[in-house]
Each structure stands twice: as C-alpha cells, then as structure tokens.
C-alpha cells in the first residue's frame, strides 16, 4: 500500500506540471530561435514549487533502495554460504551448490518486483477507469449525418448537448440552416458557441431532442494545425494534384498574393508549427485545405 501511495503521489505531481512545462519549453524552442528571442527568454524562470519535486524524488529514491537491497541480498547470501563452506569440514556437493544458487535467486524476486507491482497496480486502476468512461460513452447519441444534400443543411429541434451528466450543457430550442445560407453564431464568452460547433461536428453527445445534418462538414479550427511541409502538401493532404482546381481554391481563399510574394510559391516550407506564416495565412491555408 505504501508503494501504491508513493506511485500515485509521484504521478500526481510529476505528470500535470513538470512534464507539461518542459514539453512546452522544448516544443517552442524553435520559435524562440526563429524570432531571435533568446535575450528576452534568457532570464525566464520556470514557475514550479519545490513541493512538486518531493513525491517524485522520494518515489525514485525508494525504488533505488529496493533494487539495492535486492542486489545486496544475493551478495550477502553468497558470502555467508562461502564462509560457511570454508569453516565447515564437509565438502559441498554439486546438488547442494545448485540448490543454494536457486535459493539465492528466489531471494531477489521480491525485491526486483516490489517496485514494479506498485506501478502495475496504479496503471491497471487508471486504465480501468479510462476504459469504463469509454464504454459508458459508447452508448451516447450524436447528431445524425445524411450525406445526401437537401434544401436544409441543418435542423435542430429542442436539442440539449452535454459532455456528461454533471458537465456544462447547451440547449438549442430550434435551429434551421438552409442550403447556401451564411450563418454566424454570436454570444458572450462561455455562452456555448464552441460547444454548439462541437455538437454540429458530431463530437458533443446529444442528451435530448433531435438533430440532423445534410451534406458534408468542412471544419476550420480557431487555431489551425499545419504540417511541417510545403503549402501545396498542406492543402492537398495526400490528394491528387489538379492544377486548375488547386489555383481556384488558392484564389478563393485569398492566398494568391501571398504565394506570389514567396520565392518558392506553393513549394514554400511552412516550418514547424507554421512559424514561417502569419496567423491569417495559417487560417486561410486551413480554409483552403
């Protein structure tokens, strides 16, 4: 139980803050170098309390001590056996030596597995809870998607959407969007605009009511993701290149002038995380995709 408690405390403090801070720092190091921000970040201190280091450090020290004890047991047992054989006038037979070595190996089993048992037990409990949530969520209902186009692109009637029974919910009494109609969703911060978009994309479960979508969905995220490759490959995403259609898409997304200013045109590398593009260019690139 003590090993299990140490493992839980170690993960609680280690996972959310220490790993996150160092992961983000390593991920953004290219952006810092690209923008020549070394001097600005030279004196930046990672904000972490010393209490966050104590449980992970104590867990690692305990694991090391258990391993050392296991190694010491076999060495001490071997030394005792040899000293006993030297002081005794009896000569050990081959069978006795084999039995002695087997006993020494069995002494190390507990010490070598004690630290692993705590980790295995915590992993099993964590994964069991995670799988239980997945199984419980597999019965959730979502907006139905009809690939055939019709006069109405979306119809929601008295719908309530929520991520869970105790989570924030969005209620939509009535929403009808006609084909080719341009609709904007306006509201205060935290009023559920992003949740409504998640529901329309089929990601947020529907608790009550009926909802239908006709046709296909094209989603451009508020923070678009781009690949560290060329502009053309970011737009095509593995699809076959059609020059005429590609140029029409680039023009419709207002990227033509941007490509004309770039030396390599649509073969320009966007860089890691799109560091070679502005925020507007990344958004229009995602729209072209």
C-alpha atoms as a PDB file:
ATOM      1  CA  UNK A   1       0.000   0.000   0.000  1.00  0.00           C
ATOM      2  CA  UNK A   2       2.863   2.383   0.734  1.00  0.00           C
ATOM      3  CA  UNK A   3       4.382   1.656  -2.686  1.00  0.00           C
ATOM      4  CA  UNK A   4       0.999   2.310  -4.327  1.00  0.00           C
ATOM      5  CA  UNK A   5       0.594   5.589  -2.405  1.00  0.00           C
ATOM      6  CA  UNK A   6       4.084   6.767  -3.371  1.00  0.00           C
ATOM      7  CA  UNK A   7       3.461   5.928  -7.022  1.00  0.00           C
ATOM      8  CA  UNK A   8       0.159   7.857  -7.036  1.00  0.00           C
ATOM      9  CA  UNK A   9       1.688  10.921  -5.377  1.00  0.00           C
ATOM     10  CA  UNK A  10       4.617  10.809  -7.782  1.00  0.00           C
ATOM     11  CA  UNK A  11       2.356  10.780 -10.834  1.00  0.00           C
ATOM     12  CA  UNK A  12       0.035  13.438  -9.411  1.00  0.00           C
ATOM     13  CA  UNK A  13       2.861  15.930  -9.051  1.00  0.00           C
ATOM     14  CA  UNK A  14       5.009  14.774 -11.948  1.00  0.00           C
ATOM     15  CA  UNK A  15       2.537  14.484 -14.802  1.00  0.00           C
ATOM     16  CA  UNK A  16       0.482  17.703 -14.961  1.00  0.00           C
ATOM     17  CA  UNK A  17       3.080  20.364 -14.269  1.00  0.00           C
ATOM     18  CA  UNK A  18       6.684  19.185 -14.631  1.00  0.00           C
ATOM     19  CA  UNK A  19       6.177  17.276 -17.883  1.00  0.00           C
ATOM     20  CA  UNK A  20       3.886  19.947 -19.300  1.00  0.00           C
ATOM     21  CA  UNK A  21       6.283  22.822 -18.633  1.00  0.00           C
ATOM     22  CA  UNK A  22       9.333  21.069 -20.036  1.00  0.00           C
ATOM     23  CA  UNK A  23       7.395  19.696 -23.023  1.00  0.00           C
ATOM     24  CA  UNK A  24       6.099  23.148 -23.943  1.00  0.00           C
ATOM     25  CA  UNK A  25       9.546  24.678 -23.483  1.00  0.00           C
ATOM     26  CA  UNK A  26      11.119  22.115 -25.808  1.00  0.00           C
ATOM     27  CA  UNK A  27       8.326  22.484 -28.360  1.00  0.00           C
ATOM     28  CA  UNK A  28       8.644  26.271 -28.513  1.00  0.00           C
ATOM     29  CA  UNK A  29      12.434  26.415 -28.625  1.00  0.00           C
ATOM     30  CA  UNK A  30      12.384  26.560 -32.424  1.00  0.00           C
ATOM     31  CA  UNK A  31      10.028  29.508 -32.381  1.00  0.00           C
ATOM     32  CA  UNK A  32      12.303  31.316 -29.924  1.00  0.00           C
ATOM     33  CA  UNK A  33      15.318  30.766 -32.165  1.00  0.00           C
ATOM     34  CA  UNK A  34      13.407  31.727 -35.306  1.00  0.00           C
ATOM     35  CA  UNK A  35      12.266  35.076 -33.877  1.00  0.00           C
ATOM     36  CA  UNK A  36      15.632  35.736 -32.165  1.00  0.00           C
ATOM     37  CA  UNK A  37      14.019  35.984 -28.723  1.00  0.00           C
ATOM     38  CA  UNK A  38      16.983  34.465 -26.859  1.00  0.00           C
ATOM     39  CA  UNK A  39      17.706  37.614 -24.851  1.00  0.00           C
ATOM     40  CA  UNK A  40      14.068  38.032 -23.837  1.00  0.00           C
ATOM     41  CA  UNK A  41      13.869  34.437 -22.587  1.00  0.00           C
ATOM     42  CA  UNK A  42      17.336  34.331 -21.047  1.00  0.00           C
ATOM     43  CA  UNK A  43      16.129  35.197 -17.544  1.00  0.00           C
ATOM     44  CA  UNK A  44      12.801  33.356 -17.681  1.00  0.00           C
ATOM     45  CA  UNK A  45      12.355  31.080 -14.669  1.00  0.00           C
ATOM     46  CA  UNK A  46      10.126  28.031 -14.761  1.00  0.00           C
ATOM     47  CA  UNK A  47       7.492  28.576 -12.064  1.00  0.00           C
ATOM     48  CA  UNK A  48       7.472  25.350 -10.085  1.00  0.00           C
ATOM     49  CA  UNK A  49       7.132  24.776  -6.347  1.00  0.00           C
ATOM     50  CA  UNK A  50       9.667  22.614  -4.575  1.00  0.00           C
ATOM     51  CA  UNK A  51       6.758  20.561  -3.191  1.00  0.00           C
ATOM     52  CA  UNK A  52       6.123  19.271  -6.714  1.00  0.00           C
ATOM     53  CA  UNK A  53       9.552  17.629  -6.760  1.00  0.00           C
ATOM     54  CA  UNK A  54       9.397  15.887  -3.381  1.00  0.00           C
ATOM     55  CA  UNK A  55       6.962  12.982  -4.144  1.00  0.00           C
ATOM     56  CA  UNK A  56       8.590  12.022  -7.499  1.00  0.00           C
ATOM     57  CA  UNK A  57      12.067  12.280  -5.955  1.00  0.00           C
ATOM     58  CA  UNK A  58      11.057  10.238  -2.898  1.00  0.00           C
ATOM     59  CA  UNK A  59       9.473   7.591  -5.151  1.00  0.00           C
ATOM     60  CA  UNK A  60      12.633   7.255  -7.239  1.00  0.00           C
ATOM     61  CA  UNK A  61      14.847   7.052  -4.148  1.00  0.00           C
ATOM     62  CA  UNK A  62      12.585   4.341  -2.682  1.00  0.00           C
ATOM     63  CA  UNK A  63      12.715   2.353  -5.928  1.00  0.00           C
ATOM     64  CA  UNK A  64      16.502   2.646  -5.995  1.00  0.00           C
ATOM     65  CA  UNK A  65      16.784   1.449  -2.386  1.00  0.00           C
ATOM     66  CA  UNK A  66      14.572  -1.569  -3.125  1.00  0.00           C
ATOM     67  CA  UNK A  67      16.777  -2.502  -6.086  1.00  0.00           C
ATOM     68  CA  UNK A  68      19.927  -2.075  -3.991  1.00  0.00           C
ATOM     69  CA  UNK A  69      18.507  -4.278  -1.241  1.00  0.00           C
ATOM     70  CA  UNK A  70      17.714  -6.964  -3.806  1.00  0.00           C
ATOM     71  CA  UNK A  71      21.257  -6.927  -5.121  1.00  0.00           C
ATOM     72  CA  UNK A  72      22.687  -6.881  -1.608  1.00  0.00           C
ATOM     73  CA  UNK A  73      20.613  -9.897  -0.535  1.00  0.00           C
ATOM     74  CA  UNK A  74      22.138 -12.117  -3.211  1.00  0.00           C
ATOM     75  CA  UNK A  75      25.655 -10.888  -2.451  1.00  0.00           C
ATOM     76  CA  UNK A  76      25.277 -11.340   1.309  1.00  0.00           C
ATOM     77  CA  UNK A  77      23.742 -14.795   0.905  1.00  0.00           C
ATOM     78  CA  UNK A  78      26.596 -15.855  -1.375  1.00  0.00           C
ATOM     79  CA  UNK A  79      29.188 -14.557   1.088  1.00  0.00           C
ATOM     80  CA  UNK A  80      27.550 -16.371   4.015  1.00  0.00           C
ATOM     81  CA  UNK A  81      27.388 -19.615   2.043  1.00  0.00           C
ATOM     82  CA  UNK A  82      31.055 -19.382   1.044  1.00  0.00           C
ATOM     83  CA  UNK A  83      32.202 -18.577   4.600  1.00  0.00           C
ATOM     84  CA  UNK A  84      30.157 -21.463   5.983  1.00  0.00           C
ATOM     85  CA  UNK A  85      31.688 -23.838   3.453  1.00  0.00           C
ATOM     86  CA  UNK A  86      35.210 -22.671   4.318  1.00  0.00           C
ATOM     87  CA  UNK A  87      34.705 -23.090   8.076  1.00  0.00           C
ATOM     88  CA  UNK A  88      32.985 -26.452   7.675  1.00  0.00           C
ATOM     89  CA  UNK A  89      34.951 -29.610   7.106  1.00  0.00           C
ATOM     90  CA  UNK A  90      32.238 -31.011   4.858  1.00  0.00           C
ATOM     91  CA  UNK A  91      32.654 -30.666   1.097  1.00  0.00           C
ATOM     92  CA  UNK A  92      29.608 -29.282  -0.726  1.00  0.00           C
ATOM     93  CA  UNK A  93      28.277 -31.466  -3.492  1.00  0.00           C
ATOM     94  CA  UNK A  94      27.152 -30.277  -6.925  1.00  0.00           C
ATOM     95  CA  UNK A  95      23.492 -30.744  -5.953  1.00  0.00           C
ATOM     96  CA  UNK A  96      23.892 -28.621  -2.834  1.00  0.00           C
ATOM     97  CA  UNK A  97      25.520 -25.828  -4.839  1.00  0.00           C
ATOM     98  CA  UNK A  98      22.672 -25.823  -7.370  1.00  0.00           C
ATOM     99  CA  UNK A  99      20.060 -25.717  -4.590  1.00  0.00           C
ATOM    100  CA  UNK A 100      21.943 -22.863  -2.927  1.00  0.00           C
ATOM    101  CA  UNK A 101      22.018 -20.815  -6.136  1.00  0.00           C
ATOM    102  CA  UNK A 102      18.297 -21.405  -6.628  1.00  0.00           C
ATOM    103  CA  UNK A 103      17.590 -20.140  -3.116  1.00  0.00           C
ATOM    104  CA  UNK A 104      19.668 -17.018  -3.745  1.00  0.00           C
ATOM    105  CA  UNK A 105      17.742 -16.285  -6.943  1.00  0.00           C
ATOM    106  CA  UNK A 106      14.429 -16.653  -5.133  1.00  0.00           C
ATOM    107  CA  UNK A 107      15.541 -14.070  -2.575  1.00  0.00           C
ATOM    108  CA  UNK A 108      15.879 -11.437  -5.290  1.00  0.00           C
ATOM    109  CA  UNK A 109      12.414 -11.997  -6.777  1.00  0.00           C
ATOM    110  CA  UNK A 110      10.563  -9.930  -4.193  1.00  0.00           C
ATOM    111  CA  UNK A 111      12.981  -7.012  -4.250  1.00  0.00           C
ATOM    112  CA  UNK A 112      13.058  -6.796  -8.040  1.00  0.00           C
ATOM    113  CA  UNK A 113       9.274  -6.959  -8.395  1.00  0.00           C
ATOM    114  CA  UNK A 114       8.173  -4.872  -5.395  1.00  0.00           C
ATOM    115  CA  UNK A 115       8.688  -1.531  -7.125  1.00  0.00           C
ATOM    116  CA  UNK A 116       7.114  -2.808 -10.341  1.00  0.00           C
ATOM    117  CA  UNK A 117       3.998  -4.068  -8.546  1.00  0.00           C
ATOM    118  CA  UNK A 118       3.088  -0.572  -7.384  1.00  0.00           C
ATOM    119  CA  UNK A 119       3.432   0.808 -10.901  1.00  0.00           C
ATOM    120  CA  UNK A 120       1.424  -2.048 -12.415  1.00  0.00           C
ATOM    121  CA  UNK A 121      -1.368  -1.690  -9.850  1.00  0.00           C
ATOM    122  CA  UNK A 122      -1.708   2.064 -10.403  1.00  0.00           C
ATOM    123  CA  UNK A 123      -1.661   1.591 -14.199  1.00  0.00           C
ATOM    124  CA  UNK A 124      -4.388  -1.048 -14.027  1.00  0.00           C
ATOM    125  CA  UNK A 125      -6.658   1.172 -11.894  1.00  0.00           C
ATOM    126  CA  UNK A 126      -6.049   4.177 -14.133  1.00  0.00           C
ATOM    127  CA  UNK A 127      -6.673   2.286 -17.384  1.00  0.00           C
ATOM    128  CA  UNK A 128      -9.729   0.539 -15.954  1.00  0.00           C
ATOM    129  CA  UNK A 129     -11.316   3.884 -15.076  1.00  0.00           C
ATOM    130  CA  UNK A 130     -10.429   5.261 -18.510  1.00  0.00           C
ATOM    131  CA  UNK A 131     -11.895   2.253 -20.326  1.00  0.00           C
ATOM    132  CA  UNK A 132     -15.026   2.425 -18.181  1.00  0.00           C
ATOM    133  CA  UNK A 133     -15.594   6.006 -19.342  1.00  0.00           C
ATOM    134  CA  UNK A 134     -15.158   4.935 -22.967  1.00  0.00           C
ATOM    135  CA  UNK A 135     -17.611   2.053 -22.568  1.00  0.00           C
ATOM    136  CA  UNK A 136     -20.115   4.309 -20.801  1.00  0.00           C
ATOM    137  CA  UNK A 137     -19.786   6.894 -23.556  1.00  0.00           C
ATOM    138  CA  UNK A 138     -20.218   4.372 -26.359  1.00  0.00           C
ATOM    139  CA  UNK A 139     -23.994   4.475 -25.838  1.00  0.00           C
ATOM    140  CA  UNK A 140     -24.144   8.251 -26.339  1.00  0.00           C
ATOM    141  CA  UNK A 141     -26.185   9.663 -29.205  1.00  0.00           C
ATOM    142  CA  UNK A 142     -24.892  12.250 -31.648  1.00  0.00           C
ATOM    143  CA  UNK A 143     -26.316  14.355 -34.451  1.00  0.00           C
ATOM    144  CA  UNK A 144     -27.152  12.199 -37.449  1.00  0.00           C
ATOM    145  CA  UNK A 145     -25.349  12.983 -40.699  1.00  0.00           C
ATOM    146  CA  UNK A 146     -27.099  12.482 -44.024  1.00  0.00           C
ATOM    147  CA  UNK A 147     -24.540  12.678 -46.871  1.00  0.00           C
ATOM    148  CA  UNK A 148     -27.246  13.468 -49.424  1.00  0.00           C
ATOM    149  CA  UNK A 149     -27.732  17.248 -49.930  1.00  0.00           C
ATOM    150  CA  UNK A 150     -31.173  18.745 -49.409  1.00  0.00           C
ATOM    151  CA  UNK A 151     -32.862  22.140 -49.031  1.00  0.00           C
ATOM    152  CA  UNK A 152     -31.916  22.279 -45.340  1.00  0.00           C
ATOM    153  CA  UNK A 153     -28.287  21.908 -44.259  1.00  0.00           C
ATOM    154  CA  UNK A 154     -29.007  21.592 -40.532  1.00  0.00           C
ATOM    155  CA  UNK A 155     -32.068  21.077 -38.368  1.00  0.00           C
ATOM    156  CA  UNK A 156     -32.037  21.044 -34.563  1.00  0.00           C
ATOM    157  CA  UNK A 157     -35.262  20.723 -32.583  1.00  0.00           C
ATOM    158  CA  UNK A 158     -35.305  21.123 -28.793  1.00  0.00           C
ATOM    159  CA  UNK A 159     -31.779  19.710 -28.503  1.00  0.00           C
ATOM    160  CA  UNK A 160     -29.635  19.603 -25.381  1.00  0.00           C
ATOM    161  CA  UNK A 161     -25.936  18.793 -25.693  1.00  0.00           C
ATOM    162  CA  UNK A 162     -23.538  17.945 -22.884  1.00  0.00           C
ATOM    163  CA  UNK A 163     -20.190  16.184 -22.336  1.00  0.00           C
ATOM    164  CA  UNK A 164     -21.602  14.442 -19.262  1.00  0.00           C
ATOM    165  CA  UNK A 165     -24.427  14.389 -16.753  1.00  0.00           C
ATOM    166  CA  UNK A 166     -22.716  16.914 -14.454  1.00  0.00           C
ATOM    167  CA  UNK A 167     -20.982  18.944 -17.168  1.00  0.00           C
ATOM    168  CA  UNK A 168     -21.924  22.179 -18.892  1.00  0.00           C
ATOM    169  CA  UNK A 169     -24.864  21.758 -21.290  1.00  0.00           C
ATOM    170  CA  UNK A 170     -26.099  23.705 -24.306  1.00  0.00           C
ATOM    171  CA  UNK A 171     -29.806  23.926 -25.086  1.00  0.00           C
ATOM    172  CA  UNK A 172     -30.969  24.780 -28.605  1.00  0.00           C
ATOM    173  CA  UNK A 173     -34.778  25.127 -28.913  1.00  0.00           C
ATOM    174  CA  UNK A 174     -34.753  25.472 -32.702  1.00  0.00           C
ATOM    175  CA  UNK A 175     -32.093  25.913 -35.368  1.00  0.00           C
ATOM    176  CA  UNK A 176     -32.626  25.628 -39.114  1.00  0.00           C
ATOM    177  CA  UNK A 177     -29.923  26.435 -41.644  1.00  0.00           C
ATOM    178  CA  UNK A 178     -30.877  26.437 -45.304  1.00  0.00           C
ATOM    179  CA  UNK A 179     -28.512  25.290 -48.028  1.00  0.00           C
ATOM    180  CA  UNK A 180     -26.017  28.004 -49.109  1.00  0.00           C
ATOM    181  CA  UNK A 181     -27.053  30.163 -46.153  1.00  0.00           C
ATOM    182  CA  UNK A 182     -24.358  32.085 -44.269  1.00  0.00           C
ATOM    183  CA  UNK A 183     -24.864  31.969 -40.502  1.00  0.00           C
ATOM    184  CA  UNK A 184     -22.803  33.451 -37.674  1.00  0.00           C
ATOM    185  CA  UNK A 185     -23.086  32.484 -34.014  1.00  0.00           C
ATOM    186  CA  UNK A 186     -22.647  35.450 -31.668  1.00  0.00           C
ATOM    187  CA  UNK A 187     -22.572  35.388 -27.885  1.00  0.00           C
ATOM    188  CA  UNK A 188     -20.696  36.201 -24.715  1.00  0.00           C
ATOM    189  CA  UNK A 189     -17.622  34.320 -23.539  1.00  0.00           C
ATOM    190  CA  UNK A 190     -18.623  30.947 -22.123  1.00  0.00           C
ATOM    191  CA  UNK A 191     -22.127  31.033 -23.579  1.00  0.00           C
ATOM    192  CA  UNK A 192     -21.598  27.794 -25.539  1.00  0.00           C
ATOM    193  CA  UNK A 193     -20.592  28.883 -29.053  1.00  0.00           C
ATOM    194  CA  UNK A 194     -17.708  26.404 -29.313  1.00  0.00           C
ATOM    195  CA  UNK A 195     -19.836  23.680 -27.714  1.00  0.00           C
ATOM    196  CA  UNK A 196     -22.516  24.224 -30.356  1.00  0.00           C
ATOM    197  CA  UNK A 197     -19.877  23.857 -33.075  1.00  0.00           C
ATOM    198  CA  UNK A 198     -18.645  20.645 -31.441  1.00  0.00           C
ATOM    199  CA  UNK A 199     -22.212  19.338 -31.403  1.00  0.00           C
ATOM    200  CA  UNK A 200     -22.722  20.186 -35.088  1.00  0.00           C
ATOM    201  CA  UNK A 201     -19.465  18.382 -35.916  1.00  0.00           C
ATOM    202  CA  UNK A 202     -20.753  15.252 -34.169  1.00  0.00           C
ATOM    203  CA  UNK A 203     -18.328  15.408 -31.247  1.00  0.00           C
ATOM    204  CA  UNK A 204     -20.594  16.508 -28.384  1.00  0.00           C
ATOM    205  CA  UNK A 205     -23.275  13.978 -27.342  1.00  0.00           C
ATOM    206  CA  UNK A 206     -26.940  14.914 -27.644  1.00  0.00           C
ATOM    207  CA  UNK A 207     -28.878  14.356 -24.416  1.00  0.00           C
ATOM    208  CA  UNK A 208     -32.370  15.096 -25.701  1.00  0.00           C
ATOM    209  CA  UNK A 209     -34.111  16.297 -28.834  1.00  0.00           C
ATOM    210  CA  UNK A 210     -33.428  15.572 -32.498  1.00  0.00           C
ATOM    211  CA  UNK A 211     -30.712  16.898 -34.767  1.00  0.00           C
ATOM    212  CA  UNK A 212     -29.884  16.314 -38.431  1.00  0.00           C
ATOM    213  CA  UNK A 213     -27.140  17.485 -40.755  1.00  0.00           C
ATOM    214  CA  UNK A 214     -27.316  17.143 -44.517  1.00  0.00           C
ATOM    215  CA  UNK A 215     -24.326  17.043 -46.841  1.00  0.00           C
ATOM    216  CA  UNK A 216     -20.722  17.079 -45.645  1.00  0.00           C
ATOM    217  CA  UNK A 217     -18.847  19.044 -42.979  1.00  0.00           C
ATOM    218  CA  UNK A 218     -15.809  21.228 -43.561  1.00  0.00           C
ATOM    219  CA  UNK A 219     -14.356  22.472 -40.286  1.00  0.00           C
ATOM    220  CA  UNK A 220     -11.682  25.175 -39.877  1.00  0.00           C
ATOM    221  CA  UNK A 221     -10.443  25.335 -36.301  1.00  0.00           C
ATOM    222  CA  UNK A 222      -9.874  28.612 -34.490  1.00  0.00           C
ATOM    223  CA  UNK A 223      -6.244  27.556 -34.032  1.00  0.00           C
ATOM    224  CA  UNK A 224      -5.490  25.671 -37.265  1.00  0.00           C
ATOM    225  CA  UNK A 225      -2.909  22.904 -37.350  1.00  0.00           C
ATOM    226  CA  UNK A 226      -0.387  22.868 -40.190  1.00  0.00           C
ATOM    227  CA  UNK A 227       2.194  20.272 -41.134  1.00  0.00           C
ATOM    228  CA  UNK A 228       5.911  20.950 -41.363  1.00  0.00           C
ATOM    229  CA  UNK A 229       5.907  20.607 -45.145  1.00  0.00           C
ATOM    230  CA  UNK A 230       5.090  22.674 -48.239  1.00  0.00           C
ATOM    231  CA  UNK A 231       1.994  24.824 -48.694  1.00  0.00           C
ATOM    232  CA  UNK A 232       0.788  22.606 -51.529  1.00  0.00           C
ATOM    233  CA  UNK A 233       1.041  19.446 -49.440  1.00  0.00           C
ATOM    234  CA  UNK A 234      -0.773  21.167 -46.569  1.00  0.00           C
ATOM    235  CA  UNK A 235      -3.675  21.917 -48.909  1.00  0.00           C
ATOM    236  CA  UNK A 236      -3.777  18.578 -50.734  1.00  0.00           C
ATOM    237  CA  UNK A 237      -3.227  16.353 -47.667  1.00  0.00           C
ATOM    238  CA  UNK A 238      -2.346  13.389 -49.864  1.00  0.00           C
ATOM    239  CA  UNK A 239      -4.972  14.009 -52.553  1.00  0.00           C
ATOM    240  CA  UNK A 240      -4.117  14.120 -56.246  1.00  0.00           C
ATOM    241  CA  UNK A 241      -2.870  17.480 -57.534  1.00  0.00           C
ATOM    242  CA  UNK A 242      -5.170  19.195 -60.051  1.00  0.00           C
ATOM    243  CA  UNK A 243      -3.524  22.483 -61.062  1.00  0.00           C
ATOM    244  CA  UNK A 244      -6.706  24.186 -62.252  1.00  0.00           C
ATOM    245  CA  UNK A 245      -8.754  23.238 -59.215  1.00  0.00           C
ATOM    246  CA  UNK A 246      -5.828  23.979 -56.885  1.00  0.00           C
ATOM    247  CA  UNK A 247      -5.443  27.507 -58.280  1.00  0.00           C
ATOM    248  CA  UNK A 248      -9.173  28.129 -57.928  1.00  0.00           C
ATOM    249  CA  UNK A 249      -9.044  27.117 -54.273  1.00  0.00           C
ATOM    250  CA  UNK A 250      -5.972  29.270 -53.627  1.00  0.00           C
ATOM    251  CA  UNK A 251      -7.680  32.270 -55.232  1.00  0.00           C
ATOM    252  CA  UNK A 252     -10.940  31.710 -53.338  1.00  0.00           C
ATOM    253  CA  UNK A 253      -9.033  31.637 -50.034  1.00  0.00           C
ATOM    254  CA  UNK A 254      -7.090  34.848 -50.837  1.00  0.00           C
ATOM    255  CA  UNK A 255      -3.716  33.100 -50.898  1.00  0.00           C
ATOM    256  CA  UNK A 256      -2.711  34.046 -54.446  1.00  0.00           C
ATOM    257  CA  UNK A 257      -0.985  37.299 -53.464  1.00  0.00           C
ATOM    258  CA  UNK A 258       0.822  35.602 -50.594  1.00  0.00           C
ATOM    259  CA  UNK A 259       2.211  32.891 -52.876  1.00  0.00           C
ATOM    260  CA  UNK A 260       3.337  35.490 -55.416  1.00  0.00           C
ATOM    261  CA  UNK A 261       5.467  37.165 -52.747  1.00  0.00           C
ATOM    262  CA  UNK A 262       7.089  33.873 -51.752  1.00  0.00           C
ATOM    263  CA  UNK A 263      10.160  32.842 -53.710  1.00  0.00           C
ATOM    264  CA  UNK A 264       9.164  29.165 -53.885  1.00  0.00           C
ATOM    265  CA  UNK A 265       5.422  29.765 -54.296  1.00  0.00           C
ATOM    266  CA  UNK A 266       3.311  26.832 -53.154  1.00  0.00           C
ATOM    267  CA  UNK A 267       6.519  24.844 -52.567  1.00  0.00           C
ATOM    268  CA  UNK A 268       7.396  27.100 -49.632  1.00  0.00           C
ATOM    269  CA  UNK A 269       8.020  25.248 -46.380  1.00  0.00           C
ATOM    270  CA  UNK A 270       5.666  26.427 -43.655  1.00  0.00           C
ATOM    271  CA  UNK A 271       8.076  25.384 -40.888  1.00  0.00           C
ATOM    272  CA  UNK A 272       7.439  23.748 -37.545  1.00  0.00           C
ATOM    273  CA  UNK A 273       4.009  24.825 -36.305  1.00  0.00           C
ATOM    274  CA  UNK A 274       3.715  27.204 -39.273  1.00  0.00           C
ATOM    275  CA  UNK A 275       6.386  29.602 -37.961  1.00  0.00           C
ATOM    276  CA  UNK A 276       7.032  30.883 -41.499  1.00  0.00           C
ATOM    277  CA  UNK A 277       3.409  32.010 -41.884  1.00  0.00           C
ATOM    278  CA  UNK A 278       1.375  34.701 -40.197  1.00  0.00           C
ATOM    279  CA  UNK A 279      -1.757  33.901 -38.219  1.00  0.00           C
ATOM    280  CA  UNK A 280      -4.013  34.964 -41.083  1.00  0.00           C
ATOM    281  CA  UNK A 281      -2.030  32.932 -43.602  1.00  0.00           C
ATOM    282  CA  UNK A 282      -2.316  29.806 -41.459  1.00  0.00           C
ATOM    283  CA  UNK A 283      -6.076  30.297 -41.140  1.00  0.00           C
ATOM    284  CA  UNK A 284      -6.508  30.761 -44.901  1.00  0.00           C
ATOM    285  CA  UNK A 285      -4.273  27.760 -45.521  1.00  0.00           C
ATOM    286  CA  UNK A 286      -6.511  25.629 -43.302  1.00  0.00           C
ATOM    287  CA  UNK A 287      -9.551  27.004 -45.143  1.00  0.00           C
ATOM    288  CA  UNK A 288      -8.005  26.020 -48.489  1.00  0.00           C
ATOM    289  CA  UNK A 289      -7.378  22.536 -47.146  1.00  0.00           C
END
